[in-house]
Amino acid sequence: MCDFFNDVVVGSSLKWVVVPKAIFPKPPNSLDLNAAHPRRIKLTAPNINLSLDESEGSILSDDNLDTPDEIDINVDDLDTPDEADSFEYTGQEEQNVAKDASQEESESIPEYTAEEEREDNRLWRTVVIGEQEQRIDMKVIEPYKKVISHGGYYGDGLNAIIVFAACFLPDSSRTDYNYVMENLFLYVISTLELMVAEDYMIVYLNGATPRRRMPGLGWMKKCYQMIDRRLRKNLKSFIIVHPSWFIRTILTVTRPFISSKFSSKIQYVNTLAELREMIPMEYVHIPDSIVK
């Protein structure tokens, strides 16, 4: 009976129910190969030869590499990085270093502002001397600009008094002495033309001037030659205060190079008191070193 019936539990009591087994289908015990099931196609990968020889199909064959005929590579000798090593591109580091250096260089160069440009233009003065345009480096002669000054007027009209203080000349021991004297010469000549309108006189203060500050013979001769003809003609007197033996010698040597009219205008004054008797001293600036 057990082969033909199943036990069924209904509620809390056990009842026997007769159910024929023919009602349930019989489970299959084998795969039906004849059924219509979709088939999967299996693709076969091509053979790839990764050997490091030069055989056909190898990655080192002549067909794949444009290299010399013989390549000798020992894989065991190659250095491989550890897992802790980082793969850093050194070329990128060099580019970064070069970029940082260029940035630092650009930052180290201050920006040239419009105000600085105007200031630099003020450091150079363009003048016309003898119908030729000249540029004066005003920065290099800044400490020596007091060498020439306006001392007021004398007599009637616009008869100017030009004061030349030799004690303010640069020291000949300077390495750029010739450059300074060249620019100072242009400054003196151009300033003289601005100060003089009509007749004028030059008061040359030679006192308190050491020998190393005395202008050379060539410099004085050049000054005389570069002075405009109008200025040479309108010069009425050349007064030398506290003349030394050196300055007297220079003037004696230069007499053949200057006109007799100019030589007749030279006067020597030994004291400031004597100078006061000749010209008004109200606007003539005498350096303290000369006064002492």
C-alpha atoms as a PDB file:
ATOM      1  CA  MET A   1       0.000   0.000   0.000  1.00  0.00           C
ATOM      2  CA  CYS A   2       2.837   2.482   0.721  1.00  0.00           C
ATOM      3  CA  ASP A   3       3.925   2.391  -2.907  1.00  0.00           C
ATOM      4  CA  PHE A   4       0.537   3.600  -4.089  1.00  0.00           C
ATOM      5  CA  PHE A   5      -0.527   6.104  -1.448  1.00  0.00           C
ATOM      6  CA  ASN A   6       0.805   9.286   0.140  1.00  0.00           C
ATOM      7  CA  ASP A   7       0.260  10.442   3.625  1.00  0.00           C
ATOM      8  CA  VAL A   8      -1.591  13.762   4.071  1.00  0.00           C
ATOM      9  CA  VAL A   9      -1.895  15.628   7.340  1.00  0.00           C
ATOM     10  CA  VAL A  10      -5.146  17.575   7.704  1.00  0.00           C
ATOM     11  CA  GLY A  11      -5.705  19.670  10.824  1.00  0.00           C
ATOM     12  CA  SER A  12      -4.582  17.894  14.000  1.00  0.00           C
ATOM     13  CA  SER A  13      -5.651  14.402  13.050  1.00  0.00           C
ATOM     14  CA  LEU A  14      -3.940  12.063  10.764  1.00  0.00           C
ATOM     15  CA  LYS A  15      -6.056  10.735   7.980  1.00  0.00           C
ATOM     16  CA  TRP A  16      -5.200   8.424   5.239  1.00  0.00           C
ATOM     17  CA  VAL A  17      -6.079   9.723   1.796  1.00  0.00           C
ATOM     18  CA  VAL A  18      -5.696   7.575  -1.228  1.00  0.00           C
ATOM     19  CA  VAL A  19      -4.153   9.550  -4.150  1.00  0.00           C
ATOM     20  CA  PRO A  20      -3.028   7.753  -7.241  1.00  0.00           C
ATOM     21  CA  LYS A  21       0.615   8.492  -8.207  1.00  0.00           C
ATOM     22  CA  ALA A  22      -0.270   8.713 -11.840  1.00  0.00           C
ATOM     23  CA  ILE A  23      -1.510  12.250 -11.222  1.00  0.00           C
ATOM     24  CA  PHE A  24       2.095  13.594 -10.721  1.00  0.00           C
ATOM     25  CA  PRO A  25       4.437  13.656 -13.713  1.00  0.00           C
ATOM     26  CA  LYS A  26       7.488  11.485 -13.594  1.00  0.00           C
ATOM     27  CA  PRO A  27      10.708  13.523 -13.111  1.00  0.00           C
ATOM     28  CA  PRO A  28      13.220  13.244 -15.916  1.00  0.00           C
ATOM     29  CA  ASN A  29      16.305  11.241 -15.210  1.00  0.00           C
ATOM     30  CA  SER A  30      18.371  12.290 -18.268  1.00  0.00           C
ATOM     31  CA  LEU A  31      18.986  15.358 -20.492  1.00  0.00           C
ATOM     32  CA  ASP A  32      17.048  15.404 -23.645  1.00  0.00           C
ATOM     33  CA  LEU A  33      19.643  16.213 -26.225  1.00  0.00           C
ATOM     34  CA  ASN A  34      17.125  16.228 -28.985  1.00  0.00           C
ATOM     35  CA  ALA A  35      15.144  19.148 -27.547  1.00  0.00           C
ATOM     36  CA  ALA A  36      15.331  22.535 -29.253  1.00  0.00           C
ATOM     37  CA  HIS A  37      17.634  24.489 -26.894  1.00  0.00           C
ATOM     38  CA  PRO A  38      19.814  27.493 -27.959  1.00  0.00           C
ATOM     39  CA  ARG A  39      23.416  26.493 -28.563  1.00  0.00           C
ATOM     40  CA  ARG A  40      26.454  28.487 -27.407  1.00  0.00           C
ATOM     41  CA  ILE A  41      29.300  29.029 -29.867  1.00  0.00           C
ATOM     42  CA  LYS A  42      32.777  28.671 -28.381  1.00  0.00           C
ATOM     43  CA  LEU A  43      35.448  30.861 -30.040  1.00  0.00           C
ATOM     44  CA  THR A  44      39.031  29.781 -30.051  1.00  0.00           C
ATOM     45  CA  ALA A  45      41.649  32.530 -29.293  1.00  0.00           C
ATOM     46  CA  PRO A  46      44.571  32.808 -31.736  1.00  0.00           C
ATOM     47  CA  ASN A  47      47.940  31.609 -30.581  1.00  0.00           C
ATOM     48  CA  ILE A  48      50.215  34.425 -29.410  1.00  0.00           C
ATOM     49  CA  ASN A  49      53.910  33.848 -29.098  1.00  0.00           C
ATOM     50  CA  LEU A  50      55.423  36.143 -26.443  1.00  0.00           C
ATOM     51  CA  SER A  51      58.836  34.659 -26.462  1.00  0.00           C
ATOM     52  CA  LEU A  52      61.834  37.017 -26.605  1.00  0.00           C
ATOM     53  CA  ASP A  53      63.313  35.419 -29.673  1.00  0.00           C
ATOM     54  CA  GLU A  54      63.167  36.451 -33.273  1.00  0.00           C
ATOM     55  CA  SER A  55      60.986  33.597 -34.501  1.00  0.00           C
ATOM     56  CA  GLU A  56      57.986  34.280 -36.637  1.00  0.00           C
ATOM     57  CA  GLY A  57      55.188  35.878 -34.663  1.00  0.00           C
ATOM     58  CA  SER A  58      57.478  36.957 -31.819  1.00  0.00           C
ATOM     59  CA  ILE A  59      57.215  40.510 -30.508  1.00  0.00           C
ATOM     60  CA  LEU A  60      60.930  40.884 -31.231  1.00  0.00           C
ATOM     61  CA  SER A  61      60.714  39.709 -34.799  1.00  0.00           C
ATOM     62  CA  ASP A  62      61.801  41.980 -37.633  1.00  0.00           C
ATOM     63  CA  ASP A  63      58.190  42.368 -38.665  1.00  0.00           C
ATOM     64  CA  ASN A  64      57.222  44.054 -35.419  1.00  0.00           C
ATOM     65  CA  LEU A  65      60.359  46.008 -34.485  1.00  0.00           C
ATOM     66  CA  ASP A  66      62.588  48.370 -36.454  1.00  0.00           C
ATOM     67  CA  THR A  67      65.675  47.410 -34.533  1.00  0.00           C
ATOM     68  CA  PRO A  68      69.140  46.116 -35.346  1.00  0.00           C
ATOM     69  CA  ASP A  69      69.486  42.524 -36.424  1.00  0.00           C
ATOM     70  CA  GLU A  70      70.661  41.238 -33.052  1.00  0.00           C
ATOM     71  CA  ILE A  71      69.141  42.153 -29.707  1.00  0.00           C
ATOM     72  CA  ASP A  72      70.654  40.722 -26.555  1.00  0.00           C
ATOM     73  CA  ILE A  73      68.334  41.138 -23.587  1.00  0.00           C
ATOM     74  CA  ASN A  74      68.822  39.263 -20.350  1.00  0.00           C
ATOM     75  CA  VAL A  75      65.561  39.344 -18.433  1.00  0.00           C
ATOM     76  CA  ASP A  76      67.240  38.213 -15.201  1.00  0.00           C
ATOM     77  CA  ASP A  77      69.531  41.247 -15.241  1.00  0.00           C
ATOM     78  CA  LEU A  78      66.695  43.728 -15.489  1.00  0.00           C
ATOM     79  CA  ASP A  79      66.042  45.761 -12.347  1.00  0.00           C
ATOM     80  CA  THR A  80      62.400  45.746 -11.380  1.00  0.00           C
ATOM     81  CA  PRO A  81      60.983  48.116  -8.746  1.00  0.00           C
ATOM     82  CA  ASP A  82      59.650  46.847  -5.476  1.00  0.00           C
ATOM     83  CA  GLU A  83      56.009  47.168  -4.629  1.00  0.00           C
ATOM     84  CA  ALA A  84      56.803  50.057  -2.299  1.00  0.00           C
ATOM     85  CA  ASP A  85      58.613  51.945  -5.027  1.00  0.00           C
ATOM     86  CA  SER A  86      56.676  54.667  -6.776  1.00  0.00           C
ATOM     87  CA  PHE A  87      56.814  55.152 -10.489  1.00  0.00           C
ATOM     88  CA  GLU A  88      57.690  58.862 -10.798  1.00  0.00           C
ATOM     89  CA  TYR A  89      58.427  60.502 -14.082  1.00  0.00           C
ATOM     90  CA  THR A  90      61.730  62.338 -13.613  1.00  0.00           C
ATOM     91  CA  GLY A  91      61.204  64.374 -16.724  1.00  0.00           C
ATOM     92  CA  GLN A  92      58.102  65.885 -15.167  1.00  0.00           C
ATOM     93  CA  GLU A  93      60.138  66.774 -12.068  1.00  0.00           C
ATOM     94  CA  GLU A  94      62.699  68.569 -14.229  1.00  0.00           C
ATOM     95  CA  GLN A  95      59.931  70.472 -15.949  1.00  0.00           C
ATOM     96  CA  ASN A  96      58.455  71.442 -12.582  1.00  0.00           C
ATOM     97  CA  VAL A  97      61.865  72.581 -11.308  1.00  0.00           C
ATOM     98  CA  ALA A  98      62.476  74.612 -14.454  1.00  0.00           C
ATOM     99  CA  LYS A  99      58.994  76.097 -14.172  1.00  0.00           C
ATOM    100  CA  ASP A 100      59.531  77.025 -10.515  1.00  0.00           C
ATOM    101  CA  ALA A 101      62.906  78.564 -11.368  1.00  0.00           C
ATOM    102  CA  SER A 102      61.396  80.631 -14.171  1.00  0.00           C
ATOM    103  CA  GLN A 103      58.608  81.762 -11.850  1.00  0.00           C
ATOM    104  CA  GLU A 104      61.120  82.772  -9.177  1.00  0.00           C
ATOM    105  CA  GLU A 105      63.188  84.617 -11.774  1.00  0.00           C
ATOM    106  CA  SER A 106      60.137  86.458 -13.065  1.00  0.00           C
ATOM    107  CA  GLU A 107      59.084  87.295  -9.530  1.00  0.00           C
ATOM    108  CA  SER A 108      62.590  88.535  -8.675  1.00  0.00           C
ATOM    109  CA  ILE A 109      62.438  91.143 -11.472  1.00  0.00           C
ATOM    110  CA  PRO A 110      60.291  94.031 -10.244  1.00  0.00           C
ATOM    111  CA  GLU A 111      57.697  95.473 -12.549  1.00  0.00           C
ATOM    112  CA  TYR A 112      58.817  98.631 -14.350  1.00  0.00           C
ATOM    113  CA  THR A 113      56.053 101.082 -13.515  1.00  0.00           C
ATOM    114  CA  ALA A 114      55.191 104.310 -15.295  1.00  0.00           C
ATOM    115  CA  GLU A 115      56.319 106.321 -12.273  1.00  0.00           C
ATOM    116  CA  GLU A 116      59.721 104.621 -12.322  1.00  0.00           C
ATOM    117  CA  GLU A 117      60.007 105.345 -16.036  1.00  0.00           C
ATOM    118  CA  ARG A 118      59.305 109.027 -15.423  1.00  0.00           C
ATOM    119  CA  GLU A 119      61.839 108.987 -12.599  1.00  0.00           C
ATOM    120  CA  ASP A 120      64.475 107.450 -14.870  1.00  0.00           C
ATOM    121  CA  ASN A 121      63.774 110.077 -17.502  1.00  0.00           C
ATOM    122  CA  ARG A 122      64.450 112.738 -14.900  1.00  0.00           C
ATOM    123  CA  LEU A 123      67.834 111.133 -14.245  1.00  0.00           C
ATOM    124  CA  TRP A 124      68.894 111.982 -17.792  1.00  0.00           C
ATOM    125  CA  ARG A 125      68.939 115.467 -19.268  1.00  0.00           C
ATOM    126  CA  THR A 126      69.145 116.092 -22.969  1.00  0.00           C
ATOM    127  CA  VAL A 127      70.933 119.327 -23.902  1.00  0.00           C
ATOM    128  CA  VAL A 128      72.185 120.910 -27.096  1.00  0.00           C
ATOM    129  CA  ILE A 129      75.792 122.109 -26.984  1.00  0.00           C
ATOM    130  CA  GLY A 130      77.467 123.374 -30.122  1.00  0.00           C
ATOM    131  CA  GLU A 131      74.441 122.364 -32.216  1.00  0.00           C
ATOM    132  CA  GLN A 132      74.891 118.778 -31.029  1.00  0.00           C
ATOM    133  CA  GLU A 133      72.464 116.914 -28.794  1.00  0.00           C
ATOM    134  CA  GLN A 134      74.050 115.546 -25.622  1.00  0.00           C
ATOM    135  CA  ARG A 135      72.698 113.415 -22.779  1.00  0.00           C
ATOM    136  CA  ILE A 136      73.765 114.041 -19.184  1.00  0.00           C
ATOM    137  CA  ASP A 137      73.713 111.330 -16.538  1.00  0.00           C
ATOM    138  CA  MET A 138      72.173 113.392 -13.735  1.00  0.00           C
ATOM    139  CA  LYS A 139      72.370 110.548 -11.236  1.00  0.00           C
ATOM    140  CA  VAL A 140      76.154 110.218 -11.349  1.00  0.00           C
ATOM    141  CA  ILE A 141      76.733 113.968 -10.972  1.00  0.00           C
ATOM    142  CA  GLU A 142      74.128 114.487  -8.242  1.00  0.00           C
ATOM    143  CA  PRO A 143      76.750 114.945  -5.437  1.00  0.00           C
ATOM    144  CA  TYR A 144      78.678 117.477  -7.544  1.00  0.00           C
ATOM    145  CA  LYS A 145      75.924 119.747  -8.857  1.00  0.00           C
ATOM    146  CA  LYS A 146      76.847 122.405  -6.268  1.00  0.00           C
ATOM    147  CA  VAL A 147      80.051 123.012  -8.197  1.00  0.00           C
ATOM    148  CA  ILE A 148      78.221 125.725 -10.161  1.00  0.00           C
ATOM    149  CA  SER A 149      75.673 128.156  -8.779  1.00  0.00           C
ATOM    150  CA  HIS A 150      74.116 131.528  -9.513  1.00  0.00           C
ATOM    151  CA  GLY A 151      75.449 134.351  -7.311  1.00  0.00           C
ATOM    152  CA  GLY A 152      73.005 137.092  -8.234  1.00  0.00           C
ATOM    153  CA  TYR A 153      73.726 140.104 -10.421  1.00  0.00           C
ATOM    154  CA  TYR A 154      76.102 143.056 -10.496  1.00  0.00           C
ATOM    155  CA  GLY A 155      75.898 146.532 -12.058  1.00  0.00           C
ATOM    156  CA  ASP A 156      72.957 147.500 -14.207  1.00  0.00           C
ATOM    157  CA  GLY A 157      70.880 145.062 -16.224  1.00  0.00           C
ATOM    158  CA  LEU A 158      71.180 141.260 -16.177  1.00  0.00           C
ATOM    159  CA  ASN A 159      74.881 140.932 -15.499  1.00  0.00           C
ATOM    160  CA  ALA A 160      75.001 137.512 -13.844  1.00  0.00           C
ATOM    161  CA  ILE A 161      77.528 136.279 -11.272  1.00  0.00           C
ATOM    162  CA  ILE A 162      78.377 132.603 -11.832  1.00  0.00           C
ATOM    163  CA  VAL A 163      80.122 130.888  -8.902  1.00  0.00           C
ATOM    164  CA  PHE A 164      82.312 127.862  -9.558  1.00  0.00           C
ATOM    165  CA  ALA A 165      83.426 126.062  -6.355  1.00  0.00           C
ATOM    166  CA  ALA A 166      86.273 123.675  -7.136  1.00  0.00           C
ATOM    167  CA  CYS A 167      86.005 122.050  -3.681  1.00  0.00           C
ATOM    168  CA  PHE A 168      82.841 120.269  -4.900  1.00  0.00           C
ATOM    169  CA  LEU A 169      84.632 118.532  -7.777  1.00  0.00           C
ATOM    170  CA  PRO A 170      84.953 114.714  -7.621  1.00  0.00           C
ATOM    171  CA  ASP A 171      88.049 113.020  -6.291  1.00  0.00           C
ATOM    172  CA  SER A 172      90.387 111.794  -9.026  1.00  0.00           C
ATOM    173  CA  SER A 173      90.748 108.451  -7.183  1.00  0.00           C
ATOM    174  CA  ARG A 174      87.279 107.386  -8.365  1.00  0.00           C
ATOM    175  CA  THR A 175      87.331 104.503 -10.807  1.00  0.00           C
ATOM    176  CA  ASP A 176      84.738 106.301 -12.943  1.00  0.00           C
ATOM    177  CA  TYR A 177      86.392 109.693 -12.617  1.00  0.00           C
ATOM    178  CA  ASN A 178      86.577 110.369 -16.366  1.00  0.00           C
ATOM    179  CA  TYR A 179      82.914 109.424 -16.825  1.00  0.00           C
ATOM    180  CA  VAL A 180      81.831 111.698 -13.981  1.00  0.00           C
ATOM    181  CA  MET A 181      83.936 114.607 -15.228  1.00  0.00           C
ATOM    182  CA  GLU A 182      82.589 114.174 -18.762  1.00  0.00           C
ATOM    183  CA  ASN A 183      78.983 114.438 -17.574  1.00  0.00           C
ATOM    184  CA  LEU A 184      79.826 117.206 -15.123  1.00  0.00           C
ATOM    185  CA  PHE A 185      81.427 119.171 -17.932  1.00  0.00           C
ATOM    186  CA  LEU A 186      78.212 118.930 -19.994  1.00  0.00           C
ATOM    187  CA  TYR A 187      76.194 119.964 -16.949  1.00  0.00           C
ATOM    188  CA  VAL A 188      78.370 123.033 -16.281  1.00  0.00           C
ATOM    189  CA  ILE A 189      78.262 124.209 -19.894  1.00  0.00           C
ATOM    190  CA  SER A 190      74.492 123.682 -20.278  1.00  0.00           C
ATOM    191  CA  THR A 191      73.782 125.335 -16.899  1.00  0.00           C
ATOM    192  CA  LEU A 192      75.962 128.272 -17.812  1.00  0.00           C
ATOM    193  CA  GLU A 193      73.950 128.866 -20.971  1.00  0.00           C
ATOM    194  CA  LEU A 194      70.722 128.839 -18.944  1.00  0.00           C
ATOM    195  CA  MET A 195      72.018 131.257 -16.294  1.00  0.00           C
ATOM    196  CA  VAL A 196      73.512 133.821 -18.619  1.00  0.00           C
ATOM    197  CA  ALA A 197      71.285 136.250 -20.482  1.00  0.00           C
ATOM    198  CA  GLU A 198      73.657 139.141 -21.127  1.00  0.00           C
ATOM    199  CA  ASP A 199      77.070 139.992 -19.682  1.00  0.00           C
ATOM    200  CA  TYR A 200      78.371 137.890 -16.825  1.00  0.00           C
ATOM    201  CA  MET A 201      81.410 137.129 -14.666  1.00  0.00           C
ATOM    202  CA  ILE A 202      82.771 133.877 -13.251  1.00  0.00           C
ATOM    203  CA  VAL A 203      83.994 133.682  -9.652  1.00  0.00           C
ATOM    204  CA  TYR A 204      86.278 130.661  -9.349  1.00  0.00           C
ATOM    205  CA  LEU A 205      86.597 129.587  -5.688  1.00  0.00           C
ATOM    206  CA  ASN A 206      89.882 127.723  -5.527  1.00  0.00           C
ATOM    207  CA  GLY A 207      90.256 127.635  -1.732  1.00  0.00           C
ATOM    208  CA  ALA A 208      89.940 124.414   0.335  1.00  0.00           C
ATOM    209  CA  THR A 209      90.489 122.332  -2.787  1.00  0.00           C
ATOM    210  CA  PRO A 210      93.068 119.549  -2.482  1.00  0.00           C
ATOM    211  CA  ARG A 211      95.239 118.704  -5.438  1.00  0.00           C
ATOM    212  CA  ARG A 212      93.359 115.456  -6.167  1.00  0.00           C
ATOM    213  CA  ARG A 213      90.163 117.497  -6.758  1.00  0.00           C
ATOM    214  CA  MET A 214      91.725 120.065  -9.031  1.00  0.00           C
ATOM    215  CA  PRO A 215      90.498 119.821 -12.644  1.00  0.00           C
ATOM    216  CA  GLY A 216      93.069 118.788 -15.179  1.00  0.00           C
ATOM    217  CA  LEU A 217      94.495 120.999 -17.866  1.00  0.00           C
ATOM    218  CA  GLY A 218      92.698 119.097 -20.602  1.00  0.00           C
ATOM    219  CA  TRP A 219      89.347 119.461 -18.857  1.00  0.00           C
ATOM    220  CA  MET A 220      89.722 123.234 -18.469  1.00  0.00           C
ATOM    221  CA  LYS A 221      90.858 123.616 -22.070  1.00  0.00           C
ATOM    222  CA  LYS A 222      87.860 121.626 -23.274  1.00  0.00           C
ATOM    223  CA  CYS A 223      85.515 123.805 -21.231  1.00  0.00           C
ATOM    224  CA  TYR A 224      86.922 126.925 -22.835  1.00  0.00           C
ATOM    225  CA  GLN A 225      86.657 125.471 -26.342  1.00  0.00           C
ATOM    226  CA  MET A 226      83.106 124.193 -25.842  1.00  0.00           C
ATOM    227  CA  ILE A 227      81.757 127.443 -24.463  1.00  0.00           C
ATOM    228  CA  ASP A 228      79.582 129.117 -27.039  1.00  0.00           C
ATOM    229  CA  ARG A 229      81.084 132.107 -28.823  1.00  0.00           C
ATOM    230  CA  ARG A 230      78.380 134.320 -27.356  1.00  0.00           C
ATOM    231  CA  LEU A 231      79.336 133.245 -23.821  1.00  0.00           C
ATOM    232  CA  ARG A 232      83.030 133.856 -24.456  1.00  0.00           C
ATOM    233  CA  LYS A 233      82.283 137.275 -25.847  1.00  0.00           C
ATOM    234  CA  ASN A 234      79.916 138.257 -22.990  1.00  0.00           C
ATOM    235  CA  LEU A 235      82.325 137.115 -20.245  1.00  0.00           C
ATOM    236  CA  LYS A 236      83.545 140.329 -18.631  1.00  0.00           C
ATOM    237  CA  SER A 237      85.699 138.974 -15.816  1.00  0.00           C
ATOM    238  CA  PHE A 238      87.162 135.681 -14.576  1.00  0.00           C
ATOM    239  CA  ILE A 239      87.981 136.093 -10.871  1.00  0.00           C
ATOM    240  CA  ILE A 240      90.096 133.416  -9.155  1.00  0.00           C
ATOM    241  CA  VAL A 241      89.782 133.483  -5.360  1.00  0.00           C
ATOM    242  CA  HIS A 242      92.621 132.011  -3.283  1.00  0.00           C
ATOM    243  CA  PRO A 243      94.795 131.054  -6.281  1.00  0.00           C
ATOM    244  CA  SER A 244      97.336 128.324  -5.641  1.00  0.00           C
ATOM    245  CA  TRP A 245     100.661 127.789  -7.309  1.00  0.00           C
ATOM    246  CA  PHE A 246      99.155 124.909  -9.270  1.00  0.00           C
ATOM    247  CA  ILE A 247      96.294 126.954 -10.717  1.00  0.00           C
ATOM    248  CA  ARG A 248      98.647 129.790 -11.640  1.00  0.00           C
ATOM    249  CA  THR A 249     100.883 127.320 -13.459  1.00  0.00           C
ATOM    250  CA  ILE A 250      97.984 125.852 -15.374  1.00  0.00           C
ATOM    251  CA  LEU A 251      96.821 129.263 -16.536  1.00  0.00           C
ATOM    252  CA  THR A 252     100.318 130.159 -17.584  1.00  0.00           C
ATOM    253  CA  VAL A 253     100.627 126.975 -19.641  1.00  0.00           C
ATOM    254  CA  THR A 254      97.252 127.487 -21.303  1.00  0.00           C
ATOM    255  CA  ARG A 255      97.918 131.067 -22.402  1.00  0.00           C
ATOM    256  CA  PRO A 256      99.088 129.975 -25.885  1.00  0.00           C
ATOM    257  CA  PHE A 257      95.780 128.136 -26.393  1.00  0.00           C
ATOM    258  CA  ILE A 258      93.496 130.984 -25.350  1.00  0.00           C
ATOM    259  CA  SER A 259      92.960 134.400 -26.794  1.00  0.00           C
ATOM    260  CA  SER A 260      94.685 137.484 -25.438  1.00  0.00           C
ATOM    261  CA  LYS A 261      91.265 139.001 -24.743  1.00  0.00           C
ATOM    262  CA  PHE A 262      90.388 136.119 -22.443  1.00  0.00           C
ATOM    263  CA  SER A 263      93.757 136.330 -20.669  1.00  0.00           C
ATOM    264  CA  SER A 264      93.136 139.980 -19.941  1.00  0.00           C
ATOM    265  CA  LYS A 265      89.891 139.100 -18.147  1.00  0.00           C
ATOM    266  CA  ILE A 266      91.613 136.903 -15.505  1.00  0.00           C
ATOM    267  CA  GLN A 267      91.972 138.476 -12.048  1.00  0.00           C
ATOM    268  CA  TYR A 268      93.455 137.002  -8.842  1.00  0.00           C
ATOM    269  CA  VAL A 269      91.856 137.676  -5.449  1.00  0.00           C
ATOM    270  CA  ASN A 270      93.635 136.489  -2.300  1.00  0.00           C
ATOM    271  CA  THR A 271      90.904 137.068   0.338  1.00  0.00           C
ATOM    272  CA  LEU A 272      87.117 137.091   0.630  1.00  0.00           C
ATOM    273  CA  ALA A 273      87.283 140.620   1.955  1.00  0.00           C
ATOM    274  CA  GLU A 274      88.902 141.719  -1.268  1.00  0.00           C
ATOM    275  CA  LEU A 275      86.206 139.913  -3.214  1.00  0.00           C
ATOM    276  CA  ARG A 276      83.481 141.804  -1.305  1.00  0.00           C
ATOM    277  CA  GLU A 277      84.968 145.083  -2.482  1.00  0.00           C
ATOM    278  CA  MET A 278      84.622 143.966  -6.104  1.00  0.00           C
ATOM    279  CA  ILE A 279      81.150 142.377  -6.299  1.00  0.00           C
ATOM    280  CA  PRO A 280      77.957 142.222  -4.191  1.00  0.00           C
ATOM    281  CA  MET A 281      78.136 139.113  -1.975  1.00  0.00           C
ATOM    282  CA  GLU A 282      74.491 138.963  -0.936  1.00  0.00           C
ATOM    283  CA  TYR A 283      73.661 135.938  -3.136  1.00  0.00           C
ATOM    284  CA  VAL A 284      77.116 134.461  -3.528  1.00  0.00           C
ATOM    285  CA  HIS A 285      77.310 131.159  -1.646  1.00  0.00           C
ATOM    286  CA  ILE A 286      80.712 130.553  -0.084  1.00  0.00           C
ATOM    287  CA  PRO A 287      81.222 126.977   1.220  1.00  0.00           C
ATOM    288  CA  ASP A 288      82.007 126.678   4.923  1.00  0.00           C
ATOM    289  CA  SER A 289      85.302 124.965   4.161  1.00  0.00           C
ATOM    290  CA  ILE A 290      86.471 128.045   2.254  1.00  0.00           C
ATOM    291  CA  VAL A 291      85.263 130.432   4.944  1.00  0.00           C
ATOM    292  CA  LYS A 292      87.252 128.552   7.571  1.00  0.00           C
END
